[in-house]
């Protein structure tokens, strides 16, 4: 039986509610400062999409770096 509440060690950084909350707060604060009124839930969706984009670009960067590497992975 798996534990429904994962310990911090078991959770990845991408699944961290702290990371998502910080991104959500930053997006909401930036929108407010620019005078943009966001609909309910828009900041959370934007934060989730931004985190997914950063992770995807990071994985692409790793793949390109590994493809260009001339030595084997140790």
C-alpha atoms as a PDB file:
ATOM      1  CA  UNK A   1       0.000   0.000   0.000  1.00  0.00           C
ATOM      2  CA  UNK A   2       1.439   3.359  -0.953  1.00  0.00           C
ATOM      3  CA  UNK A   3       1.390   6.355   1.326  1.00  0.00           C
ATOM      4  CA  UNK A   4      -0.954   9.020  -0.124  1.00  0.00           C
ATOM      5  CA  UNK A   5       1.221  11.766   1.351  1.00  0.00           C
ATOM      6  CA  UNK A   6       4.711  11.639  -0.094  1.00  0.00           C
ATOM      7  CA  UNK A   7       7.595  12.821   2.021  1.00  0.00           C
ATOM      8  CA  UNK A   8       9.660  15.758   0.722  1.00  0.00           C
ATOM      9  CA  UNK A   9      12.377  13.313  -0.300  1.00  0.00           C
ATOM     10  CA  UNK A  10       9.924  11.300  -2.418  1.00  0.00           C
ATOM     11  CA  UNK A  11       8.449  14.324  -4.220  1.00  0.00           C
ATOM     12  CA  UNK A  12      10.172  15.869  -7.172  1.00  0.00           C
ATOM     13  CA  UNK A  13      10.766  19.598  -7.253  1.00  0.00           C
ATOM     14  CA  UNK A  14       8.318  19.953 -10.139  1.00  0.00           C
ATOM     15  CA  UNK A  15       5.494  18.545  -8.003  1.00  0.00           C
ATOM     16  CA  UNK A  16       6.335  20.851  -5.106  1.00  0.00           C
ATOM     17  CA  UNK A  17       3.399  22.959  -4.020  1.00  0.00           C
ATOM     18  CA  UNK A  18       5.864  25.514  -2.664  1.00  0.00           C
ATOM     19  CA  UNK A  19       7.403  25.990  -6.106  1.00  0.00           C
ATOM     20  CA  UNK A  20       4.004  26.228  -7.784  1.00  0.00           C
ATOM     21  CA  UNK A  21       2.719  28.605  -5.111  1.00  0.00           C
ATOM     22  CA  UNK A  22       5.748  30.856  -5.465  1.00  0.00           C
ATOM     23  CA  UNK A  23       5.329  30.952  -9.234  1.00  0.00           C
ATOM     24  CA  UNK A  24       1.610  31.655  -8.862  1.00  0.00           C
ATOM     25  CA  UNK A  25       2.239  34.513  -6.439  1.00  0.00           C
ATOM     26  CA  UNK A  26       4.909  35.983  -8.717  1.00  0.00           C
ATOM     27  CA  UNK A  27       2.606  35.867 -11.752  1.00  0.00           C
ATOM     28  CA  UNK A  28      -0.322  37.366  -9.822  1.00  0.00           C
ATOM     29  CA  UNK A  29       1.891  40.138  -8.405  1.00  0.00           C
ATOM     30  CA  UNK A  30       3.317  40.963 -11.834  1.00  0.00           C
ATOM     31  CA  UNK A  31      -0.157  41.067 -13.357  1.00  0.00           C
ATOM     32  CA  UNK A  32      -1.409  43.337 -10.591  1.00  0.00           C
ATOM     33  CA  UNK A  33       1.573  45.644 -10.980  1.00  0.00           C
ATOM     34  CA  UNK A  34       0.911  45.879 -14.727  1.00  0.00           C
ATOM     35  CA  UNK A  35      -2.768  46.565 -14.054  1.00  0.00           C
ATOM     36  CA  UNK A  36      -3.980  43.321 -15.625  1.00  0.00           C
ATOM     37  CA  UNK A  37      -6.977  41.646 -14.001  1.00  0.00           C
ATOM     38  CA  UNK A  38      -6.628  37.871 -14.208  1.00  0.00           C
ATOM     39  CA  UNK A  39      -9.668  35.584 -14.125  1.00  0.00           C
ATOM     40  CA  UNK A  40      -9.939  33.094 -11.273  1.00  0.00           C
ATOM     41  CA  UNK A  41      -7.376  30.323 -11.645  1.00  0.00           C
ATOM     42  CA  UNK A  42      -5.446  32.011 -14.452  1.00  0.00           C
ATOM     43  CA  UNK A  43      -2.357  32.616 -12.315  1.00  0.00           C
ATOM     44  CA  UNK A  44      -2.266  28.937 -11.297  1.00  0.00           C
ATOM     45  CA  UNK A  45      -2.620  27.778 -14.898  1.00  0.00           C
ATOM     46  CA  UNK A  46       0.082  30.179 -16.060  1.00  0.00           C
ATOM     47  CA  UNK A  47       2.408  29.044 -13.261  1.00  0.00           C
ATOM     48  CA  UNK A  48       1.862  25.400 -14.151  1.00  0.00           C
ATOM     49  CA  UNK A  49       2.506  26.077 -17.840  1.00  0.00           C
ATOM     50  CA  UNK A  50       5.642  28.094 -17.017  1.00  0.00           C
ATOM     51  CA  UNK A  51       7.058  25.318 -14.822  1.00  0.00           C
ATOM     52  CA  UNK A  52       6.313  22.729 -17.524  1.00  0.00           C
ATOM     53  CA  UNK A  53       8.034  24.929 -20.113  1.00  0.00           C
ATOM     54  CA  UNK A  54      11.154  25.363 -17.975  1.00  0.00           C
ATOM     55  CA  UNK A  55      11.365  21.617 -17.305  1.00  0.00           C
ATOM     56  CA  UNK A  56      10.898  20.770 -20.985  1.00  0.00           C
ATOM     57  CA  UNK A  57      13.549  23.269 -22.090  1.00  0.00           C
ATOM     58  CA  UNK A  58      15.910  21.887 -19.457  1.00  0.00           C
ATOM     59  CA  UNK A  59      15.420  18.348 -20.710  1.00  0.00           C
ATOM     60  CA  UNK A  60      16.005  19.479 -24.283  1.00  0.00           C
ATOM     61  CA  UNK A  61      19.207  21.198 -23.150  1.00  0.00           C
ATOM     62  CA  UNK A  62      20.413  18.031 -21.444  1.00  0.00           C
ATOM     63  CA  UNK A  63      19.628  15.950 -24.519  1.00  0.00           C
ATOM     64  CA  UNK A  64      21.495  18.344 -26.809  1.00  0.00           C
ATOM     65  CA  UNK A  65      24.432  18.475 -24.418  1.00  0.00           C
ATOM     66  CA  UNK A  66      24.614  14.684 -24.229  1.00  0.00           C
ATOM     67  CA  UNK A  67      24.388  14.391 -28.008  1.00  0.00           C
ATOM     68  CA  UNK A  68      27.289  16.800 -28.430  1.00  0.00           C
ATOM     69  CA  UNK A  69      29.428  15.215 -25.711  1.00  0.00           C
ATOM     70  CA  UNK A  70      32.442  13.369 -26.942  1.00  0.00           C
ATOM     71  CA  UNK A  71      33.037  11.233 -23.897  1.00  0.00           C
ATOM     72  CA  UNK A  72      30.839   8.455 -22.532  1.00  0.00           C
ATOM     73  CA  UNK A  73      28.619   8.970 -19.512  1.00  0.00           C
ATOM     74  CA  UNK A  74      30.450   7.787 -16.414  1.00  0.00           C
END
